[in-house]
Amino acid sequence: MFQKMKSIQGAFAHVRLFTLVIVVLSFCLVAFTIYKSMLLAAKTQDRIYVLANGKAIEAFASEKKENIPVEIRDHVKMFHFYFFTLDPDETVIKKNIGRALYMADASAKRLYENLKESGYYNNIISGNISQKIEIDSVAVNIDQYPYYFKCYAHQRLVRATSILTRSLISEGYVRNVSRSDNNPHGFLLERWTTLENKDLNTVER
């Protein structure tokens, strides 16, 4: 009889140990499943899908600080593009300058007013001149705030009889502002100055 009791107790101990192992493994499985689900949810939240031409294109969300140099360079490029891309059409000039002034502070407006008073834009219109700009590079320093930049570019002034190429070097600072349709990067140029703007060569047409 005692032998049977020992056998029953032994069997009960084995069943209890087996049950305990199952319970522990179940908790581990549940914890692992929750952990993987949280990772998947976090990864999914970093993705967005953009619908373009009827196709869903996957895009990835990221912190702004990760893309600051890239966004500053593009902001500076777009500002210079709008400010210096001129055609002999008053409407085009006002439209482009208006876009540029949304992206910079009063330093850009002062230069615009000075050029306007000197008759620069009237000469563009009366001389049927088209002015284009090509950005060579934009150096950005994000170790300080506001962020410093220096822009290197070339201008091409296309006249009826010639094409004038000029070098353009400018510098300034960039600070954060709210994003908007007129300022999608959320930056504002400050203390913008032209360091160099000289003629390089003239080609007869």
N, C-alpha and C. Protein backbone atom coordinates (compact mmCIF):
# COMPACT_ATOMS: atom_id res chain seq x y z
N MET A 1 0.83 -1.20 0.00
CA MET A 1 0.00 0.00 0.00
C MET A 1 0.87 1.25 0.00
N PHE A 2 1.96 1.20 0.83
CA PHE A 2 2.87 2.34 0.87
C PHE A 2 3.56 2.54 -0.48
N GLN A 3 3.80 1.39 -1.13
CA GLN A 3 4.42 1.47 -2.45
C GLN A 3 3.51 2.18 -3.43
N LYS A 4 2.21 1.88 -3.34
CA LYS A 4 1.23 2.53 -4.22
C LYS A 4 1.15 4.02 -3.93
N MET A 5 1.21 4.40 -2.64
CA MET A 5 1.14 5.81 -2.27
C MET A 5 2.35 6.55 -2.85
N LYS A 6 3.54 5.91 -2.73
CA LYS A 6 4.72 6.54 -3.28
C LYS A 6 4.61 6.70 -4.79
N SER A 7 4.03 5.70 -5.43
CA SER A 7 3.84 5.79 -6.88
C SER A 7 2.89 6.92 -7.23
N ILE A 8 1.79 7.04 -6.44
CA ILE A 8 0.81 8.12 -6.71
C ILE A 8 1.45 9.48 -6.48
N GLN A 9 2.22 9.61 -5.36
CA GLN A 9 2.89 10.87 -5.07
C GLN A 9 3.92 11.21 -6.15
N GLY A 10 4.64 10.18 -6.61
CA GLY A 10 5.61 10.41 -7.67
C GLY A 10 4.95 10.86 -8.96
N ALA A 11 3.84 10.19 -9.27
CA ALA A 11 3.10 10.56 -10.48
C ALA A 11 2.55 11.98 -10.36
N PHE A 12 2.05 12.32 -9.17
CA PHE A 12 1.51 13.67 -8.96
C PHE A 12 2.62 14.71 -9.09
N ALA A 13 3.81 14.38 -8.55
CA ALA A 13 4.95 15.29 -8.67
C ALA A 13 5.34 15.50 -10.13
N HIS A 14 5.32 14.41 -10.89
CA HIS A 14 5.64 14.53 -12.32
C HIS A 14 4.61 15.37 -13.07
N VAL A 15 3.33 15.11 -12.72
CA VAL A 15 2.26 15.89 -13.36
C VAL A 15 2.39 17.36 -13.00
N ARG A 16 2.68 17.63 -11.71
CA ARG A 16 2.82 19.02 -11.28
C ARG A 16 4.01 19.69 -11.97
N LEU A 17 5.13 18.98 -12.09
CA LEU A 17 6.31 19.51 -12.77
C LEU A 17 6.01 19.76 -14.25
N PHE A 18 5.34 18.80 -14.86
CA PHE A 18 4.98 18.93 -16.28
C PHE A 18 4.06 20.14 -16.49
N THR A 19 3.06 20.28 -15.58
CA THR A 19 2.13 21.41 -15.68
C THR A 19 2.86 22.74 -15.51
N LEU A 20 3.79 22.77 -14.53
CA LEU A 20 4.55 23.99 -14.29
C LEU A 20 5.38 24.37 -15.51
N VAL A 21 6.01 23.37 -16.14
CA VAL A 21 6.80 23.63 -17.35
C VAL A 21 5.91 24.16 -18.46
N ILE A 22 4.74 23.56 -18.63
CA ILE A 22 3.81 24.02 -19.66
C ILE A 22 3.39 25.46 -19.42
N VAL A 23 3.07 25.77 -18.14
CA VAL A 23 2.64 27.13 -17.80
C VAL A 23 3.76 28.13 -18.08
N VAL A 24 5.00 27.79 -17.66
CA VAL A 24 6.14 28.69 -17.89
C VAL A 24 6.38 28.89 -19.38
N LEU A 25 6.33 27.80 -20.14
CA LEU A 25 6.52 27.91 -21.59
C LEU A 25 5.42 28.74 -22.24
N SER A 26 4.18 28.58 -21.73
CA SER A 26 3.06 29.36 -22.26
C SER A 26 3.27 30.85 -22.01
N PHE A 27 3.70 31.20 -20.79
CA PHE A 27 3.97 32.60 -20.48
C PHE A 27 5.09 33.15 -21.36
N CYS A 28 6.14 32.35 -21.56
CA CYS A 28 7.25 32.77 -22.43
C CYS A 28 6.77 33.00 -23.85
N LEU A 29 5.93 32.10 -24.34
CA LEU A 29 5.40 32.23 -25.70
C LEU A 29 4.54 33.48 -25.83
N VAL A 30 3.68 33.72 -24.81
CA VAL A 30 2.83 34.91 -24.83
C VAL A 30 3.68 36.17 -24.80
N ALA A 31 4.70 36.19 -23.91
CA ALA A 31 5.58 37.37 -23.81
C ALA A 31 6.32 37.61 -25.12
N PHE A 32 6.82 36.55 -25.75
CA PHE A 32 7.53 36.68 -27.02
C PHE A 32 6.61 37.19 -28.12
N THR A 33 5.37 36.66 -28.11
CA THR A 33 4.39 37.10 -29.12
C THR A 33 4.06 38.58 -28.95
N ILE A 34 3.87 39.01 -27.70
CA ILE A 34 3.57 40.43 -27.44
C ILE A 34 4.75 41.31 -27.87
N TYR A 35 5.96 40.87 -27.55
CA TYR A 35 7.17 41.63 -27.91
C TYR A 35 7.28 41.79 -29.43
N LYS A 36 7.11 40.68 -30.15
CA LYS A 36 7.19 40.75 -31.62
C LYS A 36 6.07 41.59 -32.21
N SER A 37 4.90 41.52 -31.60
CA SER A 37 3.78 42.32 -32.08
C SER A 37 4.05 43.81 -31.90
N MET A 38 4.65 44.16 -30.75
CA MET A 38 4.99 45.56 -30.52
C MET A 38 6.04 46.05 -31.50
N LEU A 39 7.03 45.22 -31.79
CA LEU A 39 8.04 45.58 -32.78
C LEU A 39 7.42 45.78 -34.15
N LEU A 40 6.53 44.87 -34.52
CA LEU A 40 5.87 44.97 -35.82
C LEU A 40 5.01 46.22 -35.90
N ALA A 41 4.29 46.53 -34.80
CA ALA A 41 3.44 47.73 -34.78
C ALA A 41 4.28 49.00 -34.90
N ALA A 42 5.42 49.03 -34.19
CA ALA A 42 6.30 50.19 -34.27
C ALA A 42 6.87 50.35 -35.66
N LYS A 43 7.24 49.23 -36.27
CA LYS A 43 7.79 49.27 -37.63
C LYS A 43 6.74 49.72 -38.63
N THR A 44 5.52 49.27 -38.43
CA THR A 44 4.43 49.63 -39.33
C THR A 44 4.11 51.11 -39.24
N GLN A 45 4.21 51.68 -38.04
CA GLN A 45 3.90 53.10 -37.86
C GLN A 45 4.91 53.99 -38.54
N ASP A 46 6.10 53.48 -38.83
CA ASP A 46 7.12 54.25 -39.51
C ASP A 46 6.93 54.25 -41.02
N ARG A 47 5.89 53.61 -41.49
CA ARG A 47 5.66 53.53 -42.93
C ARG A 47 4.36 54.22 -43.29
N ILE A 48 4.41 54.92 -44.41
CA ILE A 48 3.20 55.48 -44.97
C ILE A 48 3.17 55.12 -46.45
N TYR A 49 1.99 55.14 -47.00
CA TYR A 49 1.85 54.81 -48.41
C TYR A 49 1.28 56.02 -49.14
N VAL A 50 1.98 56.41 -50.20
CA VAL A 50 1.58 57.55 -50.99
C VAL A 50 0.98 57.04 -52.29
N LEU A 51 -0.20 57.55 -52.63
CA LEU A 51 -0.87 57.15 -53.86
C LEU A 51 -0.44 58.10 -54.97
N ALA A 52 0.26 57.57 -55.96
CA ALA A 52 0.74 58.38 -57.08
C ALA A 52 0.41 57.67 -58.38
N ASN A 53 -0.36 58.34 -59.21
CA ASN A 53 -0.75 57.78 -60.51
C ASN A 53 -1.42 56.42 -60.37
N GLY A 54 -2.24 56.27 -59.34
CA GLY A 54 -2.97 55.03 -59.15
C GLY A 54 -2.16 53.91 -58.52
N LYS A 55 -0.91 54.19 -58.13
CA LYS A 55 -0.07 53.17 -57.53
C LYS A 55 0.29 53.57 -56.10
N ALA A 56 0.27 52.60 -55.20
CA ALA A 56 0.64 52.85 -53.81
C ALA A 56 2.14 52.70 -53.66
N ILE A 57 2.81 53.78 -53.27
CA ILE A 57 4.25 53.78 -53.10
C ILE A 57 4.56 53.88 -51.62
N GLU A 58 5.40 52.98 -51.14
CA GLU A 58 5.72 52.97 -49.72
C GLU A 58 6.76 54.03 -49.41
N ALA A 59 6.51 54.78 -48.34
CA ALA A 59 7.45 55.79 -47.86
C ALA A 59 7.71 55.52 -46.38
N PHE A 60 8.79 56.02 -45.89
CA PHE A 60 9.18 55.78 -44.51
C PHE A 60 9.25 57.09 -43.75
N ALA A 61 8.64 57.10 -42.57
CA ALA A 61 8.69 58.28 -41.71
C ALA A 61 10.00 58.29 -40.95
N SER A 62 10.51 59.49 -40.66
CA SER A 62 11.75 59.61 -39.90
C SER A 62 11.74 60.92 -39.15
N GLU A 63 12.61 61.02 -38.17
CA GLU A 63 12.72 62.24 -37.40
C GLU A 63 13.34 63.33 -38.27
N LYS A 64 12.88 64.58 -38.04
CA LYS A 64 13.39 65.69 -38.84
C LYS A 64 14.89 65.87 -38.69
N LYS A 65 15.41 65.63 -37.47
CA LYS A 65 16.83 65.85 -37.22
C LYS A 65 17.71 64.94 -38.07
N GLU A 66 17.18 63.80 -38.49
CA GLU A 66 17.96 62.89 -39.32
C GLU A 66 18.17 63.45 -40.72
N ASN A 67 17.28 64.33 -41.15
CA ASN A 67 17.33 64.85 -42.52
C ASN A 67 17.61 66.34 -42.58
N ILE A 68 18.06 66.95 -41.47
CA ILE A 68 18.27 68.39 -41.44
C ILE A 68 19.21 68.87 -42.55
N PRO A 69 20.40 68.28 -42.73
CA PRO A 69 21.28 68.78 -43.80
C PRO A 69 20.65 68.67 -45.18
N VAL A 70 19.96 67.57 -45.44
CA VAL A 70 19.33 67.38 -46.76
C VAL A 70 18.22 68.42 -46.97
N GLU A 71 17.39 68.62 -45.95
CA GLU A 71 16.28 69.56 -46.09
C GLU A 71 16.78 71.00 -46.19
N ILE A 72 17.84 71.33 -45.45
CA ILE A 72 18.38 72.69 -45.54
C ILE A 72 18.93 72.94 -46.93
N ARG A 73 19.69 71.98 -47.46
CA ARG A 73 20.24 72.15 -48.80
C ARG A 73 19.14 72.35 -49.83
N ASP A 74 18.08 71.58 -49.72
CA ASP A 74 16.98 71.72 -50.68
C ASP A 74 16.26 73.06 -50.49
N HIS A 75 16.10 73.47 -49.24
CA HIS A 75 15.46 74.77 -48.97
C HIS A 75 16.29 75.91 -49.57
N VAL A 76 17.60 75.86 -49.37
CA VAL A 76 18.48 76.90 -49.91
C VAL A 76 18.46 76.88 -51.43
N LYS A 77 18.48 75.69 -52.02
CA LYS A 77 18.43 75.57 -53.48
C LYS A 77 17.14 76.15 -54.04
N MET A 78 16.00 75.81 -53.41
CA MET A 78 14.72 76.30 -53.92
C MET A 78 14.61 77.82 -53.76
N PHE A 79 15.12 78.34 -52.65
CA PHE A 79 15.10 79.80 -52.47
C PHE A 79 15.87 80.49 -53.58
N HIS A 80 17.10 80.02 -53.83
CA HIS A 80 17.91 80.64 -54.88
C HIS A 80 17.29 80.45 -56.26
N PHE A 81 16.66 79.30 -56.47
CA PHE A 81 16.00 79.06 -57.75
C PHE A 81 14.90 80.10 -57.98
N TYR A 82 14.04 80.29 -57.00
CA TYR A 82 12.94 81.24 -57.17
C TYR A 82 13.44 82.68 -57.23
N PHE A 83 14.46 83.02 -56.44
CA PHE A 83 14.92 84.40 -56.39
C PHE A 83 15.67 84.80 -57.66
N PHE A 84 16.39 83.87 -58.26
CA PHE A 84 17.25 84.21 -59.40
C PHE A 84 16.76 83.68 -60.73
N THR A 85 15.65 82.97 -60.77
CA THR A 85 15.10 82.52 -62.05
C THR A 85 14.11 83.57 -62.53
N LEU A 86 14.51 84.31 -63.54
CA LEU A 86 13.72 85.44 -64.03
C LEU A 86 13.56 85.35 -65.54
N ASP A 87 12.39 85.74 -65.99
CA ASP A 87 12.10 85.83 -67.42
C ASP A 87 11.55 87.22 -67.71
N PRO A 88 11.59 87.65 -68.96
CA PRO A 88 11.10 89.00 -69.30
C PRO A 88 9.58 89.09 -69.23
N ASP A 89 9.06 88.80 -68.05
CA ASP A 89 7.61 88.83 -67.82
C ASP A 89 7.39 89.26 -66.37
N GLU A 90 6.75 90.38 -66.18
CA GLU A 90 6.56 90.93 -64.84
C GLU A 90 5.80 89.97 -63.93
N THR A 91 4.84 89.25 -64.50
CA THR A 91 4.05 88.30 -63.71
C THR A 91 4.91 87.16 -63.19
N VAL A 92 5.78 86.62 -64.06
CA VAL A 92 6.67 85.54 -63.66
C VAL A 92 7.64 86.01 -62.59
N ILE A 93 8.18 87.21 -62.76
CA ILE A 93 9.13 87.76 -61.79
C ILE A 93 8.47 87.90 -60.42
N LYS A 94 7.28 88.50 -60.37
CA LYS A 94 6.59 88.69 -59.09
C LYS A 94 6.24 87.35 -58.45
N LYS A 95 5.83 86.40 -59.27
CA LYS A 95 5.46 85.09 -58.74
C LYS A 95 6.66 84.39 -58.11
N ASN A 96 7.79 84.37 -58.82
CA ASN A 96 8.99 83.70 -58.31
C ASN A 96 9.55 84.42 -57.08
N ILE A 97 9.64 85.74 -57.14
CA ILE A 97 10.15 86.49 -56.00
C ILE A 97 9.23 86.31 -54.79
N GLY A 98 7.93 86.29 -55.04
CA GLY A 98 6.98 86.09 -53.94
C GLY A 98 7.20 84.75 -53.25
N ARG A 99 7.44 83.71 -54.02
CA ARG A 99 7.73 82.38 -53.44
C ARG A 99 9.02 82.41 -52.63
N ALA A 100 10.03 83.09 -53.16
CA ALA A 100 11.32 83.16 -52.47
C ALA A 100 11.20 83.91 -51.15
N LEU A 101 10.43 84.98 -51.12
CA LEU A 101 10.33 85.80 -49.91
C LEU A 101 9.62 85.08 -48.77
N TYR A 102 8.82 84.07 -49.08
CA TYR A 102 8.22 83.25 -48.02
C TYR A 102 9.28 82.40 -47.31
N MET A 103 10.42 82.20 -47.96
CA MET A 103 11.44 81.28 -47.45
C MET A 103 12.60 81.99 -46.76
N ALA A 104 12.55 83.32 -46.66
CA ALA A 104 13.65 84.09 -46.09
C ALA A 104 13.13 85.26 -45.28
N ASP A 105 14.03 85.88 -44.52
CA ASP A 105 13.62 87.01 -43.69
C ASP A 105 13.79 88.32 -44.47
N ALA A 106 13.86 89.44 -43.75
CA ALA A 106 13.90 90.75 -44.39
C ALA A 106 15.17 90.99 -45.19
N SER A 107 16.22 90.23 -44.96
CA SER A 107 17.45 90.42 -45.72
C SER A 107 17.23 90.17 -47.21
N ALA A 108 16.39 89.18 -47.55
CA ALA A 108 16.07 88.91 -48.95
C ALA A 108 15.18 90.01 -49.52
N LYS A 109 14.25 90.48 -48.71
CA LYS A 109 13.35 91.54 -49.17
C LYS A 109 14.11 92.84 -49.44
N ARG A 110 15.14 93.12 -48.62
CA ARG A 110 15.95 94.32 -48.82
C ARG A 110 16.69 94.26 -50.15
N LEU A 111 17.26 93.09 -50.46
CA LEU A 111 17.96 92.95 -51.74
C LEU A 111 16.99 93.09 -52.90
N TYR A 112 15.81 92.51 -52.76
CA TYR A 112 14.80 92.64 -53.81
C TYR A 112 14.42 94.10 -54.03
N GLU A 113 14.22 94.83 -52.93
CA GLU A 113 13.85 96.24 -53.05
C GLU A 113 14.97 97.05 -53.69
N ASN A 114 16.23 96.74 -53.33
CA ASN A 114 17.36 97.45 -53.92
C ASN A 114 17.47 97.19 -55.42
N LEU A 115 17.28 95.93 -55.81
CA LEU A 115 17.32 95.59 -57.24
C LEU A 115 16.17 96.25 -58.00
N LYS A 116 15.03 96.28 -57.35
CA LYS A 116 13.85 96.89 -57.98
C LYS A 116 14.06 98.39 -58.19
N GLU A 117 14.59 99.06 -57.16
CA GLU A 117 14.82 100.50 -57.25
C GLU A 117 15.90 100.84 -58.27
N SER A 118 16.87 99.95 -58.42
CA SER A 118 17.95 100.21 -59.39
C SER A 118 17.53 99.94 -60.83
N GLY A 119 16.30 99.41 -61.01
CA GLY A 119 15.79 99.15 -62.35
C GLY A 119 16.23 97.81 -62.92
N TYR A 120 16.73 96.92 -62.06
CA TYR A 120 17.24 95.63 -62.55
C TYR A 120 16.15 94.81 -63.23
N TYR A 121 14.98 94.74 -62.62
CA TYR A 121 13.90 93.93 -63.18
C TYR A 121 13.32 94.58 -64.44
N ASN A 122 13.31 95.91 -64.48
CA ASN A 122 12.86 96.60 -65.70
C ASN A 122 13.81 96.32 -66.85
N ASN A 123 15.11 96.24 -66.54
CA ASN A 123 16.09 95.92 -67.59
C ASN A 123 15.90 94.49 -68.09
N ILE A 124 15.56 93.58 -67.18
CA ILE A 124 15.29 92.19 -67.58
C ILE A 124 14.13 92.15 -68.57
N ILE A 125 13.08 92.92 -68.27
CA ILE A 125 11.88 92.90 -69.12
C ILE A 125 12.15 93.61 -70.44
N SER A 126 12.72 94.81 -70.37
CA SER A 126 12.92 95.59 -71.59
C SER A 126 13.98 94.97 -72.50
N GLY A 127 14.96 94.27 -71.90
CA GLY A 127 16.00 93.66 -72.71
C GLY A 127 15.71 92.24 -73.13
N ASN A 128 14.50 91.74 -72.80
CA ASN A 128 14.13 90.36 -73.12
C ASN A 128 15.20 89.37 -72.65
N ILE A 129 15.59 89.52 -71.40
CA ILE A 129 16.65 88.69 -70.82
C ILE A 129 16.02 87.59 -69.97
N SER A 130 16.53 86.40 -70.13
CA SER A 130 16.14 85.28 -69.26
C SER A 130 17.32 84.95 -68.36
N GLN A 131 17.05 84.91 -67.06
CA GLN A 131 18.11 84.62 -66.09
C GLN A 131 17.83 83.27 -65.44
N LYS A 132 18.81 82.39 -65.51
CA LYS A 132 18.70 81.06 -64.91
C LYS A 132 19.83 80.88 -63.89
N ILE A 133 19.62 79.97 -62.96
CA ILE A 133 20.66 79.69 -61.97
C ILE A 133 20.86 78.19 -61.85
N GLU A 134 22.11 77.79 -61.71
CA GLU A 134 22.46 76.39 -61.49
C GLU A 134 23.23 76.30 -60.18
N ILE A 135 22.71 75.55 -59.22
CA ILE A 135 23.35 75.41 -57.92
C ILE A 135 24.44 74.35 -58.03
N ASP A 136 25.66 74.74 -57.72
CA ASP A 136 26.78 73.80 -57.76
C ASP A 136 26.82 72.97 -56.47
N SER A 137 26.75 73.64 -55.34
CA SER A 137 26.78 72.93 -54.06
C SER A 137 26.30 73.86 -52.95
N VAL A 138 25.88 73.24 -51.86
CA VAL A 138 25.47 73.99 -50.66
C VAL A 138 26.15 73.33 -49.46
N ALA A 139 27.00 74.09 -48.79
CA ALA A 139 27.67 73.59 -47.58
C ALA A 139 26.84 73.99 -46.36
N VAL A 140 26.62 73.03 -45.47
CA VAL A 140 25.78 73.26 -44.29
C VAL A 140 26.53 72.84 -43.03
N ASN A 141 26.44 73.67 -42.01
CA ASN A 141 27.01 73.34 -40.71
C ASN A 141 25.89 73.28 -39.68
N ILE A 142 25.59 72.06 -39.20
CA ILE A 142 24.50 71.90 -38.24
C ILE A 142 25.01 71.78 -36.80
N ASP A 143 26.29 72.10 -36.60
CA ASP A 143 26.85 72.05 -35.25
C ASP A 143 26.47 73.28 -34.43
N GLN A 144 25.93 74.28 -35.10
CA GLN A 144 25.48 75.48 -34.40
C GLN A 144 24.06 75.82 -34.86
N TYR A 145 23.37 76.58 -34.03
CA TYR A 145 22.00 76.99 -34.38
C TYR A 145 21.87 78.48 -34.14
N PRO A 146 21.31 79.24 -35.07
CA PRO A 146 20.81 78.82 -36.38
C PRO A 146 21.90 78.19 -37.25
N TYR A 147 21.48 77.33 -38.16
CA TYR A 147 22.40 76.58 -38.99
C TYR A 147 23.00 77.47 -40.08
N TYR A 148 24.32 77.38 -40.23
CA TYR A 148 25.03 78.19 -41.23
C TYR A 148 25.07 77.45 -42.57
N PHE A 149 24.97 78.22 -43.66
CA PHE A 149 25.10 77.62 -44.99
C PHE A 149 25.89 78.56 -45.90
N LYS A 150 26.51 77.97 -46.90
CA LYS A 150 27.16 78.73 -47.97
C LYS A 150 26.79 78.07 -49.29
N CYS A 151 26.30 78.88 -50.21
CA CYS A 151 25.79 78.37 -51.49
C CYS A 151 26.72 78.81 -52.63
N TYR A 152 27.09 77.84 -53.48
CA TYR A 152 27.91 78.11 -54.65
C TYR A 152 27.06 77.83 -55.90
N ALA A 153 27.00 78.82 -56.80
CA ALA A 153 26.12 78.66 -57.97
C ALA A 153 26.68 79.43 -59.17
N HIS A 154 26.06 79.18 -60.32
CA HIS A 154 26.36 79.91 -61.55
C HIS A 154 25.05 80.47 -62.10
N GLN A 155 25.12 81.70 -62.59
CA GLN A 155 23.97 82.32 -63.25
C GLN A 155 24.24 82.39 -64.75
N ARG A 156 23.18 82.22 -65.51
CA ARG A 156 23.27 82.38 -66.96
C ARG A 156 22.24 83.41 -67.39
N LEU A 157 22.70 84.50 -67.96
CA LEU A 157 21.82 85.55 -68.46
C LEU A 157 21.79 85.45 -69.98
N VAL A 158 20.65 85.00 -70.48
CA VAL A 158 20.50 84.78 -71.92
C VAL A 158 19.90 86.03 -72.54
N ARG A 159 20.71 86.69 -73.37
CA ARG A 159 20.27 87.88 -74.09
C ARG A 159 20.05 87.52 -75.56
N ALA A 160 19.56 88.49 -76.31
CA ALA A 160 19.30 88.25 -77.74
C ALA A 160 20.58 87.97 -78.50
N THR A 161 21.70 88.57 -78.07
CA THR A 161 22.95 88.43 -78.83
C THR A 161 24.04 87.68 -78.08
N SER A 162 23.86 87.42 -76.79
CA SER A 162 24.93 86.78 -76.03
C SER A 162 24.38 86.04 -74.82
N ILE A 163 25.25 85.21 -74.24
CA ILE A 163 24.94 84.51 -73.00
C ILE A 163 26.06 84.82 -72.00
N LEU A 164 25.69 85.45 -70.92
CA LEU A 164 26.65 85.83 -69.89
C LEU A 164 26.58 84.83 -68.73
N THR A 165 27.74 84.33 -68.33
CA THR A 165 27.81 83.42 -67.18
C THR A 165 28.45 84.16 -66.01
N ARG A 166 27.82 84.06 -64.86
CA ARG A 166 28.32 84.74 -63.67
C ARG A 166 28.42 83.75 -62.51
N SER A 167 29.37 83.96 -61.64
CA SER A 167 29.49 83.14 -60.44
C SER A 167 28.71 83.80 -59.32
N LEU A 168 28.15 82.99 -58.45
CA LEU A 168 27.38 83.51 -57.32
C LEU A 168 27.72 82.69 -56.08
N ILE A 169 28.17 83.39 -55.05
CA ILE A 169 28.42 82.76 -53.75
C ILE A 169 27.66 83.57 -52.70
N SER A 170 26.84 82.89 -51.94
CA SER A 170 26.09 83.57 -50.89
C SER A 170 26.16 82.75 -49.61
N GLU A 171 25.86 83.41 -48.51
CA GLU A 171 25.87 82.72 -47.22
C GLU A 171 24.75 83.26 -46.35
N GLY A 172 24.47 82.55 -45.29
CA GLY A 172 23.42 82.97 -44.38
C GLY A 172 23.20 81.92 -43.31
N TYR A 173 22.10 82.07 -42.62
CA TYR A 173 21.74 81.14 -41.55
C TYR A 173 20.31 80.67 -41.76
N VAL A 174 20.01 79.53 -41.19
CA VAL A 174 18.67 78.95 -41.33
C VAL A 174 18.14 78.59 -39.94
N ARG A 175 16.92 78.98 -39.67
CA ARG A 175 16.28 78.60 -38.41
C ARG A 175 14.96 77.89 -38.68
N ASN A 176 14.48 77.18 -37.67
CA ASN A 176 13.24 76.41 -37.81
C ASN A 176 12.03 77.31 -37.69
N VAL A 177 11.05 77.07 -38.53
CA VAL A 177 9.73 77.70 -38.43
C VAL A 177 8.69 76.63 -38.74
N SER A 178 7.43 77.00 -38.66
CA SER A 178 6.36 76.04 -38.95
C SER A 178 6.32 75.73 -40.44
N ARG A 179 6.01 74.50 -40.76
CA ARG A 179 5.85 74.10 -42.15
C ARG A 179 4.52 74.64 -42.69
N SER A 180 4.52 74.94 -43.97
CA SER A 180 3.30 75.41 -44.62
C SER A 180 3.40 75.10 -46.11
N ASP A 181 2.33 75.37 -46.85
CA ASP A 181 2.36 75.15 -48.29
C ASP A 181 3.40 76.05 -48.96
N ASN A 182 3.59 77.25 -48.40
CA ASN A 182 4.58 78.17 -48.97
C ASN A 182 5.99 77.89 -48.48
N ASN A 183 6.11 77.12 -47.41
CA ASN A 183 7.41 76.80 -46.84
C ASN A 183 7.41 75.36 -46.35
N PRO A 184 7.44 74.40 -47.28
CA PRO A 184 7.26 72.99 -46.91
C PRO A 184 8.36 72.40 -46.04
N HIS A 185 9.58 72.96 -46.09
CA HIS A 185 10.67 72.42 -45.29
C HIS A 185 10.65 72.93 -43.85
N GLY A 186 9.94 74.02 -43.60
CA GLY A 186 9.89 74.55 -42.24
C GLY A 186 11.17 75.23 -41.82
N PHE A 187 11.83 75.94 -42.77
CA PHE A 187 13.05 76.69 -42.46
C PHE A 187 12.89 78.13 -42.94
N LEU A 188 13.66 79.04 -42.35
CA LEU A 188 13.65 80.44 -42.77
C LEU A 188 15.10 80.91 -42.87
N LEU A 189 15.48 81.45 -44.04
CA LEU A 189 16.81 82.00 -44.23
C LEU A 189 16.92 83.32 -43.49
N GLU A 190 18.04 83.49 -42.79
CA GLU A 190 18.31 84.73 -42.07
C GLU A 190 19.68 85.28 -42.46
N ARG A 191 19.81 86.62 -42.37
CA ARG A 191 21.09 87.29 -42.60
C ARG A 191 21.74 86.83 -43.90
N TRP A 192 20.92 86.73 -44.93
CA TRP A 192 21.40 86.26 -46.23
C TRP A 192 22.18 87.37 -46.92
N THR A 193 23.40 87.07 -47.33
CA THR A 193 24.24 88.05 -48.00
C THR A 193 24.93 87.41 -49.21
N THR A 194 25.22 88.23 -50.20
CA THR A 194 25.94 87.77 -51.40
C THR A 194 27.41 88.08 -51.23
N LEU A 195 28.24 87.07 -51.26
CA LEU A 195 29.68 87.24 -51.09
C LEU A 195 30.38 87.53 -52.42
N GLU A 196 29.86 86.93 -53.49
CA GLU A 196 30.47 87.12 -54.81
C GLU A 196 29.41 87.00 -55.89
N ASN A 197 29.47 87.91 -56.84
CA ASN A 197 28.57 87.86 -58.00
C ASN A 197 29.28 88.57 -59.15
N LYS A 198 30.16 87.83 -59.83
CA LYS A 198 30.99 88.46 -60.84
C LYS A 198 30.86 87.73 -62.18
N ASP A 199 31.16 88.47 -63.25
CA ASP A 199 31.11 87.91 -64.59
C ASP A 199 32.26 86.94 -64.80
N LEU A 200 31.95 85.80 -65.43
CA LEU A 200 32.97 84.81 -65.76
C LEU A 200 33.31 84.82 -67.24
N ASN A 201 32.30 84.72 -68.08
CA ASN A 201 32.55 84.77 -69.52
C ASN A 201 31.28 85.13 -70.26
N THR A 202 31.47 85.58 -71.49
CA THR A 202 30.35 85.94 -72.36
C THR A 202 30.53 85.19 -73.68
N VAL A 203 29.46 84.55 -74.12
CA VAL A 203 29.47 83.81 -75.38
C VAL A 203 28.48 84.46 -76.35
N GLU A 204 28.98 84.81 -77.54
CA GLU A 204 28.11 85.40 -78.55
C GLU A 204 27.17 84.36 -79.12
N ARG A 205 25.96 84.75 -79.39
CA ARG A 205 24.96 83.83 -79.97
C ARG A 205 24.92 83.98 -81.49
